[in-house]
Amino acid sequence: MTIVSSKEFATHQRKYYKLAVNERVAIKRGESLFHLTYVPNEIRYPEQPVLEPDDDLRNGLTKEEFKEKAHAIIHNFFANK
């Protein structure tokens, strides 16, 4: 395994991308270690399903409704002090 600093990786990205095809490469940033992972083109990730809006979305507030309610709450908060 090759471990490089984040600065070294940023400076020589192409070199480490090529190296990651055959060898494990880790990038050290502070106390953290990030692994560079090679995934061949023939591996495909499944498509994410498109989700339908929830019924709760219809119960949501518009920006103006939210603003009015927030102002009322803030006004009441300071009025009681």
PDB file of N, CA and C in Angstrom:
ATOM      1  N   MET A   1       0.842  -1.173   0.000  1.00  0.00           N
ATOM      2  CA  MET A   1       0.000   0.000   0.000  1.00  0.00           C
ATOM      3  C   MET A   1       0.887   1.236   0.000  1.00  0.00           C
ATOM      4  N   THR A   2       0.480   2.215  -0.803  1.00  0.00           N
ATOM      5  CA  THR A   2       1.185   3.488  -0.862  1.00  0.00           C
ATOM      6  C   THR A   2       0.351   4.529  -0.116  1.00  0.00           C
ATOM      7  N   ILE A   3       0.988   5.250   0.783  1.00  0.00           N
ATOM      8  CA  ILE A   3       0.320   6.314   1.524  1.00  0.00           C
ATOM      9  C   ILE A   3       0.979   7.631   1.147  1.00  0.00           C
ATOM     10  N   VAL A   4       0.165   8.605   0.723  1.00  0.00           N
ATOM     11  CA  VAL A   4       0.689   9.907   0.326  1.00  0.00           C
ATOM     12  C   VAL A   4      -0.056  11.013   1.054  1.00  0.00           C
ATOM     13  N   SER A   5       0.579  12.159   1.156  1.00  0.00           N
ATOM     14  CA  SER A   5      -0.083  13.311   1.771  1.00  0.00           C
ATOM     15  C   SER A   5      -1.089  13.883   0.776  1.00  0.00           C
ATOM     16  N   SER A   6      -2.037  14.656   1.270  1.00  0.00           N
ATOM     17  CA  SER A   6      -3.034  15.252   0.381  1.00  0.00           C
ATOM     18  C   SER A   6      -2.377  16.230  -0.592  1.00  0.00           C
ATOM     19  N   LYS A   7      -1.319  16.901  -0.163  1.00  0.00           N
ATOM     20  CA  LYS A   7      -0.608  17.830  -1.045  1.00  0.00           C
ATOM     21  C   LYS A   7       0.094  17.066  -2.166  1.00  0.00           C
ATOM     22  N   GLU A   8       0.757  15.960  -1.810  1.00  0.00           N
ATOM     23  CA  GLU A   8       1.433  15.132  -2.808  1.00  0.00           C
ATOM     24  C   GLU A   8       0.414  14.572  -3.800  1.00  0.00           C
ATOM     25  N   PHE A   9      -0.737  14.128  -3.303  1.00  0.00           N
ATOM     26  CA  PHE A   9      -1.775  13.592  -4.186  1.00  0.00           C
ATOM     27  C   PHE A   9      -2.283  14.677  -5.130  1.00  0.00           C
ATOM     28  N   ALA A  10      -2.534  15.872  -4.599  1.00  0.00           N
ATOM     29  CA  ALA A  10      -3.038  16.970  -5.428  1.00  0.00           C
ATOM     30  C   ALA A  10      -2.037  17.342  -6.523  1.00  0.00           C
ATOM     31  N   THR A  11      -0.762  17.281  -6.189  1.00  0.00           N
ATOM     32  CA  THR A  11       0.281  17.652  -7.142  1.00  0.00           C
ATOM     33  C   THR A  11       0.446  16.602  -8.239  1.00  0.00           C
ATOM     34  N   HIS A  12       0.304  15.324  -7.886  1.00  0.00           N
ATOM     35  CA  HIS A  12       0.571  14.226  -8.829  1.00  0.00           C
ATOM     36  C   HIS A  12      -0.627  13.286  -8.949  1.00  0.00           C
ATOM     37  N   GLN A  13      -1.817  13.833  -9.140  1.00  0.00           N
ATOM     38  CA  GLN A  13      -3.029  13.015  -9.195  1.00  0.00           C
ATOM     39  C   GLN A  13      -2.956  11.926 -10.252  1.00  0.00           C
ATOM     40  N   ARG A  14      -2.551  12.257 -11.454  1.00  0.00           N
ATOM     41  CA  ARG A  14      -2.512  11.277 -12.546  1.00  0.00           C
ATOM     42  C   ARG A  14      -1.673  10.064 -12.159  1.00  0.00           C
ATOM     43  N   LYS A  15      -0.531  10.301 -11.546  1.00  0.00           N
ATOM     44  CA  LYS A  15       0.363   9.218 -11.124  1.00  0.00           C
ATOM     45  C   LYS A  15      -0.350   8.270 -10.157  1.00  0.00           C
ATOM     46  N   TYR A  16      -1.062   8.822  -9.169  1.00  0.00           N
ATOM     47  CA  TYR A  16      -1.699   7.985  -8.157  1.00  0.00           C
ATOM     48  C   TYR A  16      -2.969   7.310  -8.668  1.00  0.00           C
ATOM     49  N   TYR A  17      -3.666   7.936  -9.616  1.00  0.00           N
ATOM     50  CA  TYR A  17      -4.813   7.269 -10.236  1.00  0.00           C
ATOM     51  C   TYR A  17      -4.342   6.030 -11.002  1.00  0.00           C
ATOM     52  N   LYS A  18      -3.255   6.168 -11.760  1.00  0.00           N
ATOM     53  CA  LYS A  18      -2.707   5.018 -12.493  1.00  0.00           C
ATOM     54  C   LYS A  18      -2.226   3.939 -11.540  1.00  0.00           C
ATOM     55  N   LEU A  19      -1.583   4.347 -10.458  1.00  0.00           N
ATOM     56  CA  LEU A  19      -1.075   3.397  -9.473  1.00  0.00           C
ATOM     57  C   LEU A  19      -2.213   2.642  -8.794  1.00  0.00           C
ATOM     58  N   ALA A  20      -3.345   3.301  -8.584  1.00  0.00           N
ATOM     59  CA  ALA A  20      -4.483   2.690  -7.884  1.00  0.00           C
ATOM     60  C   ALA A  20      -5.116   1.548  -8.667  1.00  0.00           C
ATOM     61  N   VAL A  21      -4.836   1.459  -9.972  1.00  0.00           N
ATOM     62  CA  VAL A  21      -5.376   0.356 -10.767  1.00  0.00           C
ATOM     63  C   VAL A  21      -4.811  -0.974 -10.274  1.00  0.00           C
ATOM     64  N   ASN A  22      -3.535  -0.989  -9.874  1.00  0.00           N
ATOM     65  CA  ASN A  22      -2.871  -2.235  -9.477  1.00  0.00           C
ATOM     66  C   ASN A  22      -2.493  -2.312  -8.007  1.00  0.00           C
ATOM     67  N   GLU A  23      -2.582  -1.214  -7.299  1.00  0.00           N
ATOM     68  CA  GLU A  23      -2.094  -1.166  -5.925  1.00  0.00           C
ATOM     69  C   GLU A  23      -3.020  -0.303  -5.073  1.00  0.00           C
ATOM     70  N   ARG A  24      -3.067  -0.602  -3.794  1.00  0.00           N
ATOM     71  CA  ARG A  24      -3.876   0.216  -2.886  1.00  0.00           C
ATOM     72  C   ARG A  24      -3.166   1.542  -2.635  1.00  0.00           C
ATOM     73  N   VAL A  25      -3.926   2.633  -2.736  1.00  0.00           N
ATOM     74  CA  VAL A  25      -3.380   3.968  -2.505  1.00  0.00           C
ATOM     75  C   VAL A  25      -4.239   4.637  -1.438  1.00  0.00           C
ATOM     76  N   ALA A  26      -3.575   5.211  -0.441  1.00  0.00           N
ATOM     77  CA  ALA A  26      -4.280   5.929   0.616  1.00  0.00           C
ATOM     78  C   ALA A  26      -3.752   7.351   0.674  1.00  0.00           C
ATOM     79  N   ILE A  27      -4.650   8.297   0.901  1.00  0.00           N
ATOM     80  CA  ILE A  27      -4.289   9.708   1.009  1.00  0.00           C
ATOM     81  C   ILE A  27      -4.470  10.109   2.459  1.00  0.00           C
ATOM     82  N   LYS A  28      -3.408  10.628   3.058  1.00  0.00           N
ATOM     83  CA  LYS A  28      -3.441  11.019   4.466  1.00  0.00           C
ATOM     84  C   LYS A  28      -3.659  12.520   4.560  1.00  0.00           C
ATOM     85  N   ARG A  29      -4.682  12.894   5.315  1.00  0.00           N
ATOM     86  CA  ARG A  29      -4.961  14.313   5.546  1.00  0.00           C
ATOM     87  C   ARG A  29      -5.183  14.492   7.035  1.00  0.00           C
ATOM     88  N   GLY A  30      -4.224  15.075   7.703  1.00  0.00           N
ATOM     89  CA  GLY A  30      -4.287  15.186   9.157  1.00  0.00           C
ATOM     90  C   GLY A  30      -4.236  13.796   9.753  1.00  0.00           C
ATOM     91  N   GLU A  31      -5.211  13.471  10.580  1.00  0.00           N
ATOM     92  CA  GLU A  31      -5.277  12.142  11.180  1.00  0.00           C
ATOM     93  C   GLU A  31      -6.132  11.177  10.357  1.00  0.00           C
ATOM     94  N   SER A  32      -6.745  11.672   9.282  1.00  0.00           N
ATOM     95  CA  SER A  32      -7.649  10.849   8.467  1.00  0.00           C
ATOM     96  C   SER A  32      -6.904  10.193   7.323  1.00  0.00           C
ATOM     97  N   LEU A  33      -7.398   9.028   6.919  1.00  0.00           N
ATOM     98  CA  LEU A  33      -6.828   8.281   5.810  1.00  0.00           C
ATOM     99  C   LEU A  33      -7.949   7.961   4.825  1.00  0.00           C
ATOM    100  N   PHE A  34      -7.792   8.364   3.567  1.00  0.00           N
ATOM    101  CA  PHE A  34      -8.794   8.136   2.530  1.00  0.00           C
ATOM    102  C   PHE A  34      -8.211   7.174   1.511  1.00  0.00           C
ATOM    103  N   HIS A  35      -8.977   6.157   1.131  1.00  0.00           N
ATOM    104  CA  HIS A  35      -8.496   5.155   0.179  1.00  0.00           C
ATOM    105  C   HIS A  35      -8.991   5.486  -1.223  1.00  0.00           C
ATOM    106  N   LEU A  36      -8.084   5.443  -2.170  1.00  0.00           N
ATOM    107  CA  LEU A  36      -8.410   5.645  -3.569  1.00  0.00           C
ATOM    108  C   LEU A  36      -8.777   4.282  -4.133  1.00  0.00           C
ATOM    109  N   THR A  37      -9.975   4.156  -4.688  1.00  0.00           N
ATOM    110  CA  THR A  37     -10.476   2.860  -5.141  1.00  0.00           C
ATOM    111  C   THR A  37     -10.707   2.863  -6.641  1.00  0.00           C
ATOM    112  N   TYR A  38     -10.140   1.880  -7.311  1.00  0.00           N
ATOM    113  CA  TYR A  38     -10.341   1.709  -8.749  1.00  0.00           C
ATOM    114  C   TYR A  38     -11.563   0.832  -8.974  1.00  0.00           C
ATOM    115  N   VAL A  39     -12.463   1.291  -9.858  1.00  0.00           N
ATOM    116  CA  VAL A  39     -13.641   0.502 -10.224  1.00  0.00           C
ATOM    117  C   VAL A  39     -13.633   0.373 -11.750  1.00  0.00           C
ATOM    118  N   PRO A  40     -13.512  -0.856 -12.260  1.00  0.00           N
ATOM    119  CA  PRO A  40     -13.479  -1.035 -13.719  1.00  0.00           C
ATOM    120  C   PRO A  40     -14.767  -0.548 -14.385  1.00  0.00           C
ATOM    121  N   ASN A  41     -14.672  -0.185 -15.660  1.00  0.00           N
ATOM    122  CA  ASN A  41     -15.833   0.327 -16.403  1.00  0.00           C
ATOM    123  C   ASN A  41     -16.971  -0.672 -16.487  1.00  0.00           C
ATOM    124  N   GLU A  42     -16.647  -1.971 -16.478  1.00  0.00           N
ATOM    125  CA  GLU A  42     -17.721  -2.949 -16.644  1.00  0.00           C
ATOM    126  C   GLU A  42     -18.591  -3.105 -15.399  1.00  0.00           C
ATOM    127  N   ILE A  43     -18.160  -2.537 -14.276  1.00  0.00           N
ATOM    128  CA  ILE A  43     -18.993  -2.567 -13.074  1.00  0.00           C
ATOM    129  C   ILE A  43     -19.905  -1.349 -13.109  1.00  0.00           C
ATOM    130  N   ARG A  44     -21.184  -1.588 -13.102  1.00  0.00           N
ATOM    131  CA  ARG A  44     -22.163  -0.500 -13.131  1.00  0.00           C
ATOM    132  C   ARG A  44     -22.946  -0.519 -11.831  1.00  0.00           C
ATOM    133  N   TYR A  45     -23.209   0.639 -11.328  1.00  0.00           N
ATOM    134  CA  TYR A  45     -24.024   0.748 -10.133  1.00  0.00           C
ATOM    135  C   TYR A  45     -25.482   0.825 -10.553  1.00  0.00           C
ATOM    136  N   PRO A  46     -26.392   0.224  -9.779  1.00  0.00           N
ATOM    137  CA  PRO A  46     -27.807   0.252 -10.165  1.00  0.00           C
ATOM    138  C   PRO A  46     -28.347   1.677 -10.167  1.00  0.00           C
ATOM    139  N   GLU A  47     -29.279   1.913 -11.065  1.00  0.00           N
ATOM    140  CA  GLU A  47     -29.920   3.225 -11.137  1.00  0.00           C
ATOM    141  C   GLU A  47     -30.722   3.471  -9.863  1.00  0.00           C
ATOM    142  N   GLN A  48     -30.690   4.677  -9.382  1.00  0.00           N
ATOM    143  CA  GLN A  48     -31.479   5.033  -8.213  1.00  0.00           C
ATOM    144  C   GLN A  48     -32.918   5.291  -8.660  1.00  0.00           C
ATOM    145  N   PRO A  49     -33.888   4.719  -7.952  1.00  0.00           N
ATOM    146  CA  PRO A  49     -35.277   4.951  -8.365  1.00  0.00           C
ATOM    147  C   PRO A  49     -35.685   6.410  -8.143  1.00  0.00           C
ATOM    148  N   VAL A  50     -36.545   6.892  -9.003  1.00  0.00           N
ATOM    149  CA  VAL A  50     -37.082   8.242  -8.841  1.00  0.00           C
ATOM    150  C   VAL A  50     -38.242   8.139  -7.861  1.00  0.00           C
ATOM    151  N   LEU A  51     -38.147   8.872  -6.787  1.00  0.00           N
ATOM    152  CA  LEU A  51     -39.164   8.795  -5.747  1.00  0.00           C
ATOM    153  C   LEU A  51     -40.281   9.792  -6.008  1.00  0.00           C
ATOM    154  N   GLU A  52     -41.490   9.363  -5.737  1.00  0.00           N
ATOM    155  CA  GLU A  52     -42.648  10.241  -5.862  1.00  0.00           C
ATOM    156  C   GLU A  52     -42.731  11.127  -4.629  1.00  0.00           C
ATOM    157  N   PRO A  53     -43.246  12.350  -4.774  1.00  0.00           N
ATOM    158  CA  PRO A  53     -43.374  13.220  -3.598  1.00  0.00           C
ATOM    159  C   PRO A  53     -44.302  12.609  -2.556  1.00  0.00           C
ATOM    160  N   ASP A  54     -43.982  12.824  -1.327  1.00  0.00           N
ATOM    161  CA  ASP A  54     -44.828  12.333  -0.238  1.00  0.00           C
ATOM    162  C   ASP A  54     -46.103  13.145  -0.150  1.00  0.00           C
ATOM    163  N   ASP A  55     -47.120  12.547   0.449  1.00  0.00           N
ATOM    164  CA  ASP A  55     -48.355  13.288   0.684  1.00  0.00           C
ATOM    165  C   ASP A  55     -48.103  14.466   1.620  1.00  0.00           C
ATOM    166  N   ASP A  56     -47.095  14.328   2.496  1.00  0.00           N
ATOM    167  CA  ASP A  56     -46.781  15.407   3.423  1.00  0.00           C
ATOM    168  C   ASP A  56     -46.320  16.665   2.688  1.00  0.00           C
ATOM    169  N   LEU A  57     -45.816  16.493   1.489  1.00  0.00           N
ATOM    170  CA  LEU A  57     -45.357  17.641   0.717  1.00  0.00           C
ATOM    171  C   LEU A  57     -46.508  18.609   0.458  1.00  0.00           C
ATOM    172  N   ARG A  58     -47.708  18.049   0.279  1.00  0.00           N
ATOM    173  CA  ARG A  58     -48.875  18.897   0.053  1.00  0.00           C
ATOM    174  C   ARG A  58     -49.234  19.703   1.295  1.00  0.00           C
ATOM    175  N   ASN A  59     -48.805  19.220   2.460  1.00  0.00           N
ATOM    176  CA  ASN A  59     -49.088  19.929   3.711  1.00  0.00           C
ATOM    177  C   ASN A  59     -47.994  20.942   4.054  1.00  0.00           C
ATOM    178  N   GLY A  60     -46.984  21.056   3.207  1.00  0.00           N
ATOM    179  CA  GLY A  60     -45.875  21.962   3.481  1.00  0.00           C
ATOM    180  C   GLY A  60     -46.274  23.421   3.374  1.00  0.00           C
ATOM    181  N   LEU A  61     -45.382  24.284   3.828  1.00  0.00           N
ATOM    182  CA  LEU A  61     -45.621  25.727   3.800  1.00  0.00           C
ATOM    183  C   LEU A  61     -44.895  26.357   2.625  1.00  0.00           C
ATOM    184  N   THR A  62     -45.470  27.410   2.095  1.00  0.00           N
ATOM    185  CA  THR A  62     -44.743  28.205   1.119  1.00  0.00           C
ATOM    186  C   THR A  62     -43.728  29.061   1.877  1.00  0.00           C
ATOM    187  N   LYS A  63     -42.844  29.681   1.145  1.00  0.00           N
ATOM    188  CA  LYS A  63     -41.845  30.548   1.774  1.00  0.00           C
ATOM    189  C   LYS A  63     -42.524  31.688   2.536  1.00  0.00           C
ATOM    190  N   GLU A  64     -43.544  32.259   1.955  1.00  0.00           N
ATOM    191  CA  GLU A  64     -44.243  33.381   2.595  1.00  0.00           C
ATOM    192  C   GLU A  64     -44.986  32.936   3.853  1.00  0.00           C
ATOM    193  N   GLU A  65     -45.630  31.758   3.796  1.00  0.00           N
ATOM    194  CA  GLU A  65     -46.329  31.241   4.979  1.00  0.00           C
ATOM    195  C   GLU A  65     -45.346  30.976   6.115  1.00  0.00           C
ATOM    196  N   PHE A  66     -44.211  30.382   5.770  1.00  0.00           N
ATOM    197  CA  PHE A  66     -43.189  30.112   6.780  1.00  0.00           C
ATOM    198  C   PHE A  66     -42.691  31.414   7.398  1.00  0.00           C
ATOM    199  N   LYS A  67     -42.435  32.407   6.552  1.00  0.00           N
ATOM    200  CA  LYS A  67     -41.929  33.700   7.019  1.00  0.00           C
ATOM    201  C   LYS A  67     -42.911  34.358   7.994  1.00  0.00           C
ATOM    202  N   GLU A  68     -44.197  34.336   7.661  1.00  0.00           N
ATOM    203  CA  GLU A  68     -45.215  34.938   8.532  1.00  0.00           C
ATOM    204  C   GLU A  68     -45.273  34.224   9.887  1.00  0.00           C
ATOM    205  N   LYS A  69     -45.266  32.886   9.861  1.00  0.00           N
ATOM    206  CA  LYS A  69     -45.336  32.127  11.112  1.00  0.00           C
ATOM    207  C   LYS A  69     -44.078  32.336  11.951  1.00  0.00           C
ATOM    208  N   ALA A  70     -42.907  32.377  11.305  1.00  0.00           N
ATOM    209  CA  ALA A  70     -41.656  32.585  12.032  1.00  0.00           C
ATOM    210  C   ALA A  70     -41.631  33.968  12.676  1.00  0.00           C
ATOM    211  N   HIS A  71     -42.090  34.977  11.949  1.00  0.00           N
ATOM    212  CA  HIS A  71     -42.129  36.332  12.503  1.00  0.00           C
ATOM    213  C   HIS A  71     -43.056  36.401  13.710  1.00  0.00           C
ATOM    214  N   ALA A  72     -44.199  35.716  13.618  1.00  0.00           N
ATOM    215  CA  ALA A  72     -45.155  35.718  14.735  1.00  0.00           C
ATOM    216  C   ALA A  72     -44.544  35.048  15.967  1.00  0.00           C
ATOM    217  N   ILE A  73     -43.868  33.945  15.768  1.00  0.00           N
ATOM    218  CA  ILE A  73     -43.239  33.238  16.896  1.00  0.00           C
ATOM    219  C   ILE A  73     -42.152  34.097  17.533  1.00  0.00           C
ATOM    220  N   ILE A  74     -41.322  34.722  16.708  1.00  0.00           N
ATOM    221  CA  ILE A  74     -40.250  35.576  17.226  1.00  0.00           C
ATOM    222  C   ILE A  74     -40.837  36.787  17.950  1.00  0.00           C
ATOM    223  N   HIS A  75     -41.878  37.388  17.377  1.00  0.00           N
ATOM    224  CA  HIS A  75     -42.514  38.532  18.011  1.00  0.00           C
ATOM    225  C   HIS A  75     -43.082  38.151  19.384  1.00  0.00           C
ATOM    226  N   ASN A  76     -43.773  37.010  19.451  1.00  0.00           N
ATOM    227  CA  ASN A  76     -44.333  36.545  20.716  1.00  0.00           C
ATOM    228  C   ASN A  76     -43.234  36.234  21.732  1.00  0.00           C
ATOM    229  N   PHE A  77     -42.148  35.697  21.277  1.00  0.00           N
ATOM    230  CA  PHE A  77     -41.041  35.348  22.174  1.00  0.00           C
ATOM    231  C   PHE A  77     -40.506  36.609  22.863  1.00  0.00           C
ATOM    232  N   PHE A  78     -40.260  37.653  22.074  1.00  0.00           N
ATOM    233  CA  PHE A  78     -39.701  38.869  22.658  1.00  0.00           C
ATOM    234  C   PHE A  78     -40.744  39.717  23.388  1.00  0.00           C
ATOM    235  N   ALA A  79     -42.004  39.593  23.024  1.00  0.00           N
ATOM    236  CA  ALA A  79     -43.065  40.339  23.689  1.00  0.00           C
ATOM    237  C   ALA A  79     -43.253  39.838  25.132  1.00  0.00           C
ATOM    238  N   ASN A  80     -42.984  38.575  25.365  1.00  0.00           N
ATOM    239  CA  ASN A  80     -43.173  37.973  26.691  1.00  0.00           C
ATOM    240  C   ASN A  80     -41.978  38.214  27.610  1.00  0.00           C
ATOM    241  N   LYS A  81     -40.956  38.877  27.172  1.00  0.00           N
ATOM    242  CA  LYS A  81     -39.744  39.089  27.999  1.00  0.00           C
ATOM    243  C   LYS A  81     -39.861  40.374  28.791  1.00  0.00           C
TER     244      LYS A  81
END
